[in-house]
Amino acid sequence: MRNDYLQSALKVIDDPTILINVVSHRVKQLRRGHRALVESLEKLSAEDIALREIAEGKITFEVATIVEATATQRGSVSYASASSAQKPAAHS
């Protein structure tokens, strides 16, 4: 993971815990075959791609409220129908 990409992403998402979760979710998407939202002439790891996407504003997130998070854990809200607060949204 390149430190310059990490520092740029931290300027957008200043909470390291939230940044880790957003990057982790996006890396899983990229490894499942989702298209990268940034272009590069060099070969980048999935982690570096996710960090660049965040730094460039291509990835957004919302923090779930306690009620939403609790409802999801109990199974009363399915992942597919949950709000975008449950996962980072990729924007092109």
N, C-alpha and C. Protein backbone atom coordinates (compact mmCIF):
# COMPACT_ATOMS: atom_id res chain seq x y z
N MET A 1 0.85 -1.17 0.00
CA MET A 1 0.00 0.00 0.00
C MET A 1 0.90 1.23 0.00
N ARG A 2 0.65 2.10 -0.95
CA ARG A 2 1.48 3.30 -1.08
C ARG A 2 1.06 4.36 -0.07
N ASN A 3 2.04 4.89 0.64
CA ASN A 3 1.78 5.88 1.68
C ASN A 3 1.17 7.16 1.12
N ASP A 4 1.59 7.58 -0.08
CA ASP A 4 1.03 8.81 -0.65
C ASP A 4 -0.46 8.66 -0.94
N TYR A 5 -0.90 7.48 -1.40
CA TYR A 5 -2.32 7.24 -1.63
C TYR A 5 -3.08 7.22 -0.31
N LEU A 6 -2.47 6.60 0.71
CA LEU A 6 -3.09 6.55 2.03
C LEU A 6 -3.28 7.95 2.60
N GLN A 7 -2.27 8.78 2.51
CA GLN A 7 -2.36 10.15 3.03
C GLN A 7 -3.42 10.96 2.28
N SER A 8 -3.53 10.77 0.98
CA SER A 8 -4.55 11.47 0.19
C SER A 8 -5.95 11.02 0.59
N ALA A 9 -6.13 9.73 0.80
CA ALA A 9 -7.44 9.20 1.20
C ALA A 9 -7.81 9.68 2.60
N LEU A 10 -6.82 9.79 3.49
CA LEU A 10 -7.08 10.27 4.85
C LEU A 10 -7.53 11.73 4.87
N LYS A 11 -7.23 12.47 3.84
CA LYS A 11 -7.72 13.86 3.75
C LYS A 11 -9.22 13.88 3.45
N VAL A 12 -9.72 12.82 2.82
CA VAL A 12 -11.14 12.73 2.49
C VAL A 12 -11.92 12.06 3.62
N ILE A 13 -11.41 10.93 4.11
CA ILE A 13 -12.01 10.21 5.24
C ILE A 13 -10.98 10.25 6.36
N ASP A 14 -11.15 11.19 7.27
CA ASP A 14 -10.11 11.42 8.27
C ASP A 14 -10.12 10.45 9.44
N ASP A 15 -11.14 9.62 9.55
CA ASP A 15 -11.19 8.61 10.61
C ASP A 15 -10.59 7.31 10.06
N PRO A 16 -9.42 6.88 10.59
CA PRO A 16 -8.76 5.68 10.06
C PRO A 16 -9.62 4.43 10.13
N THR A 17 -10.45 4.30 11.16
CA THR A 17 -11.31 3.12 11.28
C THR A 17 -12.32 3.07 10.15
N ILE A 18 -12.94 4.18 9.85
CA ILE A 18 -13.91 4.23 8.74
C ILE A 18 -13.19 4.01 7.42
N LEU A 19 -12.03 4.62 7.25
CA LEU A 19 -11.26 4.45 6.01
C LEU A 19 -10.94 2.98 5.78
N ILE A 20 -10.49 2.29 6.81
CA ILE A 20 -10.17 0.87 6.69
C ILE A 20 -11.38 0.08 6.23
N ASN A 21 -12.54 0.36 6.81
CA ASN A 21 -13.75 -0.37 6.44
C ASN A 21 -14.17 -0.09 5.00
N VAL A 22 -14.09 1.16 4.57
CA VAL A 22 -14.47 1.51 3.20
C VAL A 22 -13.50 0.86 2.21
N VAL A 23 -12.20 0.95 2.50
CA VAL A 23 -11.19 0.34 1.62
C VAL A 23 -11.41 -1.17 1.55
N SER A 24 -11.63 -1.80 2.69
CA SER A 24 -11.82 -3.25 2.74
C SER A 24 -13.01 -3.68 1.88
N HIS A 25 -14.11 -2.96 2.01
CA HIS A 25 -15.30 -3.31 1.22
C HIS A 25 -15.03 -3.13 -0.27
N ARG A 26 -14.39 -2.05 -0.64
CA ARG A 26 -14.10 -1.79 -2.05
C ARG A 26 -13.12 -2.80 -2.62
N VAL A 27 -12.12 -3.19 -1.84
CA VAL A 27 -11.15 -4.21 -2.29
C VAL A 27 -11.88 -5.51 -2.60
N LYS A 28 -12.82 -5.90 -1.75
CA LYS A 28 -13.60 -7.11 -2.00
C LYS A 28 -14.36 -7.00 -3.32
N GLN A 29 -14.95 -5.82 -3.58
CA GLN A 29 -15.65 -5.62 -4.85
C GLN A 29 -14.70 -5.74 -6.03
N LEU A 30 -13.54 -5.12 -5.93
CA LEU A 30 -12.57 -5.16 -7.03
C LEU A 30 -12.10 -6.59 -7.28
N ARG A 31 -11.86 -7.34 -6.24
CA ARG A 31 -11.39 -8.72 -6.40
C ARG A 31 -12.47 -9.64 -6.96
N ARG A 32 -13.74 -9.24 -6.81
CA ARG A 32 -14.83 -10.01 -7.41
C ARG A 32 -15.07 -9.62 -8.86
N GLY A 33 -14.29 -8.65 -9.36
CA GLY A 33 -14.39 -8.30 -10.76
C GLY A 33 -15.00 -6.95 -11.08
N HIS A 34 -15.35 -6.17 -10.07
CA HIS A 34 -15.88 -4.83 -10.34
C HIS A 34 -14.80 -3.98 -11.00
N ARG A 35 -15.23 -3.10 -11.87
CA ARG A 35 -14.32 -2.25 -12.62
C ARG A 35 -13.78 -1.12 -11.75
N ALA A 36 -12.49 -0.85 -11.89
CA ALA A 36 -11.88 0.27 -11.17
C ALA A 36 -12.43 1.58 -11.71
N LEU A 37 -12.58 2.56 -10.83
CA LEU A 37 -13.13 3.86 -11.22
C LEU A 37 -12.04 4.88 -11.51
N VAL A 38 -10.79 4.46 -11.42
CA VAL A 38 -9.65 5.32 -11.75
C VAL A 38 -8.77 4.57 -12.74
N GLU A 39 -8.08 5.33 -13.57
CA GLU A 39 -7.17 4.73 -14.53
C GLU A 39 -5.74 5.01 -14.11
N SER A 40 -4.85 4.09 -14.45
CA SER A 40 -3.45 4.27 -14.10
C SER A 40 -2.59 3.57 -15.15
N LEU A 41 -1.46 4.18 -15.45
CA LEU A 41 -0.51 3.56 -16.38
C LEU A 41 0.31 2.48 -15.69
N GLU A 42 0.35 2.51 -14.37
CA GLU A 42 1.11 1.52 -13.62
C GLU A 42 0.17 0.46 -13.04
N LYS A 43 0.72 -0.69 -12.72
CA LYS A 43 -0.05 -1.77 -12.12
C LYS A 43 -0.23 -1.46 -10.64
N LEU A 44 -1.47 -1.31 -10.19
CA LEU A 44 -1.76 -0.99 -8.80
C LEU A 44 -2.45 -2.16 -8.11
N SER A 45 -2.21 -2.29 -6.82
CA SER A 45 -2.92 -3.30 -6.03
C SER A 45 -4.36 -2.84 -5.85
N ALA A 46 -5.23 -3.77 -5.48
CA ALA A 46 -6.63 -3.42 -5.23
C ALA A 46 -6.74 -2.39 -4.11
N GLU A 47 -5.87 -2.48 -3.12
CA GLU A 47 -5.87 -1.52 -2.01
C GLU A 47 -5.53 -0.11 -2.51
N ASP A 48 -4.51 -0.02 -3.36
CA ASP A 48 -4.12 1.29 -3.89
C ASP A 48 -5.19 1.87 -4.80
N ILE A 49 -5.85 1.03 -5.56
CA ILE A 49 -6.95 1.50 -6.41
C ILE A 49 -8.06 2.07 -5.53
N ALA A 50 -8.43 1.35 -4.48
CA ALA A 50 -9.48 1.82 -3.57
C ALA A 50 -9.09 3.15 -2.93
N LEU A 51 -7.85 3.28 -2.49
CA LEU A 51 -7.40 4.53 -1.88
C LEU A 51 -7.45 5.68 -2.87
N ARG A 52 -7.04 5.44 -4.11
CA ARG A 52 -7.10 6.49 -5.14
C ARG A 52 -8.54 6.88 -5.43
N GLU A 53 -9.44 5.88 -5.51
CA GLU A 53 -10.85 6.17 -5.76
C GLU A 53 -11.42 7.07 -4.66
N ILE A 54 -11.05 6.79 -3.42
CA ILE A 54 -11.51 7.61 -2.29
C ILE A 54 -10.93 9.01 -2.40
N ALA A 55 -9.63 9.10 -2.63
CA ALA A 55 -8.94 10.40 -2.70
C ALA A 55 -9.51 11.27 -3.82
N GLU A 56 -9.93 10.65 -4.91
CA GLU A 56 -10.46 11.39 -6.06
C GLU A 56 -11.97 11.61 -5.98
N GLY A 57 -12.59 11.19 -4.89
CA GLY A 57 -14.02 11.40 -4.71
C GLY A 57 -14.91 10.46 -5.49
N LYS A 58 -14.37 9.36 -5.96
CA LYS A 58 -15.15 8.39 -6.74
C LYS A 58 -15.96 7.46 -5.84
N ILE A 59 -15.56 7.33 -4.59
CA ILE A 59 -16.22 6.46 -3.62
C ILE A 59 -16.74 7.34 -2.48
N THR A 60 -18.01 7.15 -2.12
CA THR A 60 -18.58 7.88 -1.00
C THR A 60 -19.10 6.88 0.03
N PHE A 61 -19.44 7.37 1.21
CA PHE A 61 -19.97 6.51 2.25
C PHE A 61 -20.88 7.32 3.15
N GLU A 62 -21.71 6.61 3.90
CA GLU A 62 -22.53 7.21 4.94
C GLU A 62 -22.38 6.34 6.18
N VAL A 63 -22.36 6.95 7.34
CA VAL A 63 -22.28 6.19 8.58
C VAL A 63 -23.69 5.82 8.99
N ALA A 64 -23.91 4.53 9.26
CA ALA A 64 -25.23 4.04 9.67
C ALA A 64 -25.53 4.50 11.08
N THR A 65 -26.81 4.73 11.35
CA THR A 65 -27.20 5.06 12.71
C THR A 65 -27.24 3.78 13.54
N ILE A 66 -27.29 3.92 14.84
CA ILE A 66 -27.35 2.75 15.72
C ILE A 66 -28.59 1.92 15.41
N VAL A 67 -29.72 2.55 15.14
CA VAL A 67 -30.96 1.83 14.84
C VAL A 67 -30.79 1.00 13.58
N GLU A 68 -30.23 1.57 12.50
CA GLU A 68 -30.02 0.81 11.26
C GLU A 68 -29.09 -0.35 11.49
N ALA A 69 -27.99 -0.13 12.18
CA ALA A 69 -27.01 -1.18 12.41
C ALA A 69 -27.61 -2.30 13.24
N THR A 70 -28.37 -1.98 14.28
CA THR A 70 -29.00 -2.99 15.12
C THR A 70 -30.03 -3.78 14.34
N ALA A 71 -30.84 -3.12 13.54
CA ALA A 71 -31.85 -3.80 12.74
C ALA A 71 -31.20 -4.76 11.76
N THR A 72 -30.10 -4.37 11.16
CA THR A 72 -29.40 -5.24 10.22
C THR A 72 -28.84 -6.46 10.92
N GLN A 73 -28.26 -6.27 12.10
CA GLN A 73 -27.69 -7.39 12.84
C GLN A 73 -28.77 -8.39 13.24
N ARG A 74 -29.97 -7.92 13.53
CA ARG A 74 -31.06 -8.81 13.93
C ARG A 74 -31.74 -9.45 12.73
N GLY A 75 -31.40 -9.03 11.55
CA GLY A 75 -31.96 -9.65 10.35
C GLY A 75 -33.25 -9.03 9.87
N SER A 76 -33.72 -7.95 10.49
CA SER A 76 -34.97 -7.35 10.06
C SER A 76 -34.81 -6.48 8.82
N VAL A 77 -33.58 -6.18 8.46
CA VAL A 77 -33.30 -5.43 7.23
C VAL A 77 -32.32 -6.25 6.42
N SER A 78 -32.69 -6.60 5.20
CA SER A 78 -31.76 -7.39 4.40
C SER A 78 -30.68 -6.50 3.83
N TYR A 79 -29.52 -7.08 3.54
CA TYR A 79 -28.39 -6.32 3.01
C TYR A 79 -28.76 -5.67 1.69
N ALA A 80 -29.50 -6.38 0.85
CA ALA A 80 -29.84 -5.85 -0.47
C ALA A 80 -30.78 -4.66 -0.39
N SER A 81 -31.66 -4.65 0.62
CA SER A 81 -32.62 -3.55 0.71
C SER A 81 -32.20 -2.48 1.71
N ALA A 82 -31.05 -2.68 2.35
CA ALA A 82 -30.58 -1.69 3.32
C ALA A 82 -30.15 -0.43 2.60
N SER A 83 -30.12 0.67 3.34
CA SER A 83 -29.70 1.94 2.74
C SER A 83 -28.23 1.87 2.35
N SER A 84 -27.78 2.86 1.58
CA SER A 84 -26.38 2.91 1.16
C SER A 84 -25.45 3.10 2.34
N ALA A 85 -25.99 3.36 3.51
CA ALA A 85 -25.17 3.52 4.71
C ALA A 85 -24.51 2.19 5.09
N GLN A 86 -25.04 1.10 4.60
CA GLN A 86 -24.51 -0.20 4.95
C GLN A 86 -23.25 -0.56 4.17
N LYS A 87 -23.01 0.10 3.06
CA LYS A 87 -21.86 -0.22 2.23
C LYS A 87 -21.43 1.01 1.46
N PRO A 88 -20.16 1.09 1.10
CA PRO A 88 -19.72 2.23 0.30
C PRO A 88 -20.34 2.17 -1.09
N ALA A 89 -20.66 3.29 -1.63
CA ALA A 89 -21.25 3.36 -2.96
C ALA A 89 -20.20 3.79 -3.96
N ALA A 90 -20.13 3.09 -5.06
CA ALA A 90 -19.19 3.45 -6.12
C ALA A 90 -19.91 4.37 -7.10
N HIS A 91 -19.32 5.51 -7.36
CA HIS A 91 -19.88 6.47 -8.32
C HIS A 91 -18.92 6.64 -9.47
N SER A 92 -19.46 6.72 -10.67
CA SER A 92 -18.58 6.96 -11.81
C SER A 92 -18.65 8.36 -12.27
